[in-house]
N, C-alpha and C. Protein backbone atom coordinates (compact mmCIF):
# COMPACT_ATOMS: atom_id res chain seq x y z
N MET A 1 157.87 164.54 89.14
CA MET A 1 157.93 164.60 90.48
C MET A 1 158.97 163.47 90.71
N ASN A 2 160.16 163.83 91.79
CA ASN A 2 161.12 162.86 92.01
C ASN A 2 160.28 162.42 93.49
N ALA A 3 161.09 161.04 93.95
CA ALA A 3 160.89 160.33 95.02
C ALA A 3 160.92 161.20 96.37
N VAL A 4 162.02 161.86 96.36
CA VAL A 4 161.92 162.78 97.40
C VAL A 4 160.73 163.52 98.15
N GLN A 5 160.49 164.55 96.57
CA GLN A 5 159.15 165.65 96.95
C GLN A 5 158.20 164.81 97.29
N GLU A 6 157.87 163.55 96.37
CA GLU A 6 156.80 162.71 96.89
C GLU A 6 156.72 162.04 98.23
N ASP A 7 157.43 161.75 98.40
CA ASP A 7 158.06 161.39 100.51
C ASP A 7 157.46 162.51 101.02
N GLU A 8 158.02 163.61 100.96
CA GLU A 8 157.95 164.95 101.61
C GLU A 8 156.29 165.20 101.39
N ARG A 9 155.44 164.95 100.38
CA ARG A 9 154.42 165.34 100.06
C ARG A 9 153.21 164.46 101.04
N SER A 10 153.72 162.96 100.49
CA SER A 10 153.02 161.98 101.67
C SER A 10 153.15 162.27 103.22
N THR A 11 154.39 162.58 103.63
CA THR A 11 154.65 162.56 104.80
C THR A 11 153.65 163.91 105.62
N ALA A 12 153.63 165.14 104.94
CA ALA A 12 152.81 166.18 104.79
C ALA A 12 151.53 165.95 105.08
N HIS A 13 150.99 165.24 104.02
CA HIS A 13 149.43 164.80 104.10
C HIS A 13 149.26 163.57 105.14
N ALA A 14 150.27 163.06 105.75
CA ALA A 14 149.95 162.05 106.73
C ALA A 14 149.72 162.59 107.92
N SER A 15 150.47 163.90 108.46
CA SER A 15 150.50 164.54 109.88
C SER A 15 149.50 165.53 109.60
N GLN A 16 148.73 165.75 108.63
CA GLN A 16 147.42 166.57 108.64
C GLN A 16 146.53 165.72 109.28
N LYS A 17 146.39 164.52 108.50
CA LYS A 17 145.20 163.56 108.99
C LYS A 17 145.37 163.23 110.35
N ASP A 18 146.61 163.13 111.12
CA ASP A 18 146.82 162.65 112.49
C ASP A 18 146.67 163.88 113.52
N THR A 19 147.31 165.06 112.98
CA THR A 19 146.72 166.40 114.31
C THR A 19 145.58 167.23 113.52
N PRO A 20 144.43 166.78 113.58
CA PRO A 20 143.53 168.21 113.21
C PRO A 20 143.76 169.48 113.80
N LEU A 21 144.44 170.41 113.05
CA LEU A 21 144.45 171.78 113.32
C LEU A 21 143.21 172.54 113.35
N PRO A 22 142.84 173.51 114.02
CA PRO A 22 141.97 174.54 113.87
C PRO A 22 142.13 175.23 112.57
N GLN A 23 140.92 175.10 111.78
CA GLN A 23 140.70 175.57 110.85
C GLN A 23 140.71 177.45 110.56
N SER A 24 140.55 177.83 111.48
CA SER A 24 140.29 179.61 111.97
C SER A 24 140.40 179.97 113.25
N ALA A 25 140.49 181.13 113.16
CA ALA A 25 141.00 181.83 114.57
C ALA A 25 139.68 181.63 115.49
N GLU A 26 138.91 181.49 115.26
CA GLU A 26 137.38 181.02 115.90
C GLU A 26 137.30 179.89 116.55
N GLU A 27 137.74 178.46 115.83
CA GLU A 27 138.05 177.62 116.16
C GLU A 27 139.42 177.29 117.32
N LEU A 28 140.32 178.18 116.99
CA LEU A 28 141.49 178.10 118.02
C LEU A 28 141.20 179.06 119.29
N GLY A 29 140.37 179.76 119.32
CA GLY A 29 139.56 180.40 120.41
C GLY A 29 139.12 179.56 121.26
N ASP A 30 137.76 178.93 120.39
CA ASP A 30 137.29 177.61 121.42
C ASP A 30 138.23 176.74 122.12
N PHE A 31 139.48 176.38 121.04
CA PHE A 31 140.18 175.31 121.70
C PHE A 31 140.70 175.73 122.81
N GLN A 32 141.24 177.25 122.77
CA GLN A 32 141.63 177.68 124.19
C GLN A 32 141.15 177.55 125.17
N GLU A 33 139.95 178.15 124.78
CA GLU A 33 138.82 178.29 125.90
C GLU A 33 138.32 177.11 126.51
N ARG A 34 138.20 175.87 125.89
CA ARG A 34 138.20 174.41 126.48
C ARG A 34 139.17 174.01 127.12
N LEU A 35 140.30 174.51 126.66
CA LEU A 35 141.78 174.05 127.40
C LEU A 35 141.90 174.67 128.77
N ALA A 36 141.82 176.29 128.73
CA ALA A 36 141.52 176.64 130.12
C ALA A 36 140.72 176.17 130.82
N HIS A 37 139.61 175.99 130.70
CA HIS A 37 138.39 175.32 131.50
C HIS A 37 138.78 174.02 131.70
N ALA A 38 139.42 173.13 131.09
CA ALA A 38 139.78 171.94 131.48
C ALA A 38 141.19 172.15 132.48
N SER A 39 141.93 172.93 132.45
CA SER A 39 142.98 173.01 133.28
C SER A 39 142.30 173.90 134.68
N ASN A 40 141.96 174.85 134.70
CA ASN A 40 140.96 174.95 135.87
C ASN A 40 140.30 174.10 136.82
N GLU A 41 139.58 173.36 135.96
CA GLU A 41 138.58 172.18 136.73
C GLU A 41 139.59 171.20 137.67
N MET A 42 140.88 170.93 136.92
CA MET A 42 141.96 169.85 137.23
C MET A 42 142.61 170.35 138.69
N LEU A 43 142.70 171.85 138.54
CA LEU A 43 143.51 172.78 139.72
C LEU A 43 142.76 172.75 140.73
N SER A 44 141.34 172.81 140.35
CA SER A 44 140.10 172.91 141.55
C SER A 44 140.24 171.75 142.02
N LYS A 45 140.05 170.56 141.30
CA LYS A 45 140.29 169.22 142.17
C LYS A 45 141.50 168.93 142.50
N MET A 46 142.53 169.21 142.19
CA MET A 46 143.71 168.96 143.27
C MET A 46 143.51 169.94 144.26
N GLU A 47 143.51 171.03 144.41
CA GLU A 47 143.56 171.66 145.87
C GLU A 47 141.95 171.25 146.57
N ASP A 48 141.09 170.63 146.16
CA ASP A 48 139.82 169.98 146.85
C ASP A 48 140.75 168.75 147.37
N MET A 49 141.59 168.09 146.55
CA MET A 49 142.03 166.79 146.90
C MET A 49 142.76 166.99 148.02
N GLY A 50 143.53 167.89 148.13
CA GLY A 50 144.91 168.27 149.03
C GLY A 50 144.29 168.93 150.25
N SER A 51 142.93 169.28 150.41
CA SER A 51 142.12 169.77 151.29
C SER A 51 141.53 168.29 152.38
N ARG A 52 141.44 167.40 151.30
CA ARG A 52 140.45 166.37 152.02
C ARG A 52 141.67 165.68 152.94
N ILE A 53 142.96 165.46 151.91
CA ILE A 53 144.15 164.86 152.51
C ILE A 53 144.36 165.38 154.02
N ASP A 54 144.50 166.50 154.03
CA ASP A 54 144.82 167.48 155.02
C ASP A 54 143.84 167.09 156.53
N THR A 55 142.63 167.19 155.81
CA THR A 55 141.35 166.80 157.01
C THR A 55 141.63 165.24 157.40
N LEU A 56 142.02 164.23 156.53
CA LEU A 56 142.13 163.30 157.02
C LEU A 56 143.06 162.92 157.63
N GLU A 57 144.60 163.43 157.41
CA GLU A 57 145.54 163.28 158.15
C GLU A 57 145.23 163.82 159.56
N ARG A 58 144.62 165.00 159.70
CA ARG A 58 144.13 165.82 161.48
C ARG A 58 143.22 164.34 161.65
N SER A 59 142.26 163.77 161.05
CA SER A 59 141.33 163.08 161.99
C SER A 59 142.35 161.90 162.42
N ILE A 60 143.18 161.35 161.47
CA ILE A 60 144.34 160.16 161.82
C ILE A 60 144.86 160.45 162.99
N VAL A 61 145.76 161.63 162.85
CA VAL A 61 146.13 161.86 164.48
C VAL A 61 145.54 161.81 165.77
N GLU A 62 144.25 162.72 165.34
CA GLU A 62 143.42 162.58 166.72
C GLU A 62 142.65 161.14 166.91
N VAL A 63 142.54 160.36 165.85
CA VAL A 63 142.18 159.31 166.54
C VAL A 63 143.60 158.34 167.17
N LEU A 64 144.75 158.24 166.77
CA LEU A 64 145.46 157.94 167.19
C LEU A 64 146.21 158.66 168.75
N ASN A 65 145.50 159.81 168.98
CA ASN A 65 146.00 160.43 170.24
C ASN A 65 144.91 160.26 171.46
N ARG A 66 143.59 159.81 170.71
CA ARG A 66 142.41 159.05 171.58
C ARG A 66 142.94 157.69 172.21
N SER A 67 143.56 156.96 170.98
CA SER A 67 143.96 155.43 171.22
C SER A 67 144.98 155.52 172.39
N ALA A 68 145.88 156.63 172.41
CA ALA A 68 147.14 156.44 173.24
C ALA A 68 146.85 157.22 174.29
N GLY A 69 145.72 157.50 174.80
CA GLY A 69 145.06 158.30 175.95
C GLY A 69 145.34 159.67 176.16
N GLY A 70 145.44 159.98 174.69
CA GLY A 70 145.85 161.71 174.85
C GLY A 70 147.06 162.08 175.80
N SER A 71 147.86 161.33 175.92
CA SER A 71 149.20 161.48 176.46
C SER A 71 150.30 162.37 175.48
N LYS A 72 150.86 163.12 176.22
CA LYS A 72 151.97 163.91 175.33
C LYS A 72 153.32 163.45 175.72
N THR A 73 154.53 163.65 175.02
CA THR A 73 155.72 163.54 175.20
C THR A 73 156.30 164.62 176.00
N LYS A 74 157.41 164.30 176.01
CA LYS A 74 158.08 165.56 177.25
C LYS A 74 158.29 166.59 176.29
N ASP A 75 157.88 167.04 175.17
CA ASP A 75 158.03 168.04 174.32
C ASP A 75 156.90 168.87 174.13
N GLY A 76 155.78 168.16 174.73
CA GLY A 76 154.67 168.85 174.51
C GLY A 76 153.77 168.14 173.31
N THR A 77 154.29 167.75 172.52
CA THR A 77 153.67 167.07 171.07
C THR A 77 152.93 165.72 171.62
N PRO A 78 151.77 165.75 170.83
CA PRO A 78 150.76 164.65 171.22
C PRO A 78 151.40 163.28 171.34
N ALA A 79 151.50 162.11 171.55
CA ALA A 79 152.22 160.86 171.41
C ALA A 79 151.89 160.46 170.11
N ALA A 80 150.96 160.66 169.32
CA ALA A 80 150.30 159.77 168.12
C ALA A 80 151.19 160.51 167.26
N GLU A 81 151.46 161.99 167.35
CA GLU A 81 152.60 162.70 166.26
C GLU A 81 153.79 162.05 166.29
N THR A 82 154.46 161.75 167.48
CA THR A 82 155.66 161.33 167.77
C THR A 82 155.91 159.76 167.48
N GLN A 83 154.94 159.02 167.59
CA GLN A 83 155.11 157.88 167.08
C GLN A 83 154.92 157.51 165.58
N GLU A 84 153.95 158.68 164.97
CA GLU A 84 153.69 158.67 163.20
C GLU A 84 155.30 159.27 162.74
N THR A 85 155.72 160.03 163.43
CA THR A 85 157.37 160.64 162.79
C THR A 85 158.53 159.33 163.21
N GLU A 86 158.10 158.87 164.18
CA GLU A 86 159.08 157.46 164.41
C GLU A 86 159.01 156.55 163.42
N THR A 87 157.66 156.33 163.22
CA THR A 87 157.31 155.29 162.22
C THR A 87 157.59 155.73 160.57
N SER A 88 157.71 156.90 160.27
CA SER A 88 158.04 157.58 158.74
C SER A 88 159.62 157.21 159.05
N ALA A 89 160.26 157.47 160.02
CA ALA A 89 161.66 157.84 159.82
C ALA A 89 162.35 156.84 159.78
N THR A 90 161.55 155.34 160.23
CA THR A 90 162.33 153.89 160.18
C THR A 90 162.16 153.37 158.88
N THR A 91 160.85 154.16 158.23
CA THR A 91 160.77 153.48 157.25
C THR A 91 161.27 153.70 155.70
N GLU A 92 162.16 155.01 155.80
CA GLU A 92 162.59 155.74 154.88
C GLU A 92 164.44 155.17 154.79
C-alpha cells in the first residue's frame, strides 16, 4: 500500500469517527423525525416570542400615552407614538 492510499484510508476512517451516520433507514427516519420536531418547537417558540414582543410594545405605547396625558398630535396619532418615532429617527 502506498502513502497516498494509506492517507486516504486514514482520512476516511477519521471522518467516520467524527460524524456518526445513521446505520439504517430506520435510524435515518428517527433522525428526520427528531429534526422536524426540534424545528417545529423552535418555530413555535419564535412565534410566541414575537407575540410577546408585540404585546410589550403595545403596553409601552399605552404607558407613554398615559404619562403624556393621552394627548394626541395634529394628525391624530397618540403623542407617545410620535415621540417614539422621533426618538428612533434621531438614533438612526
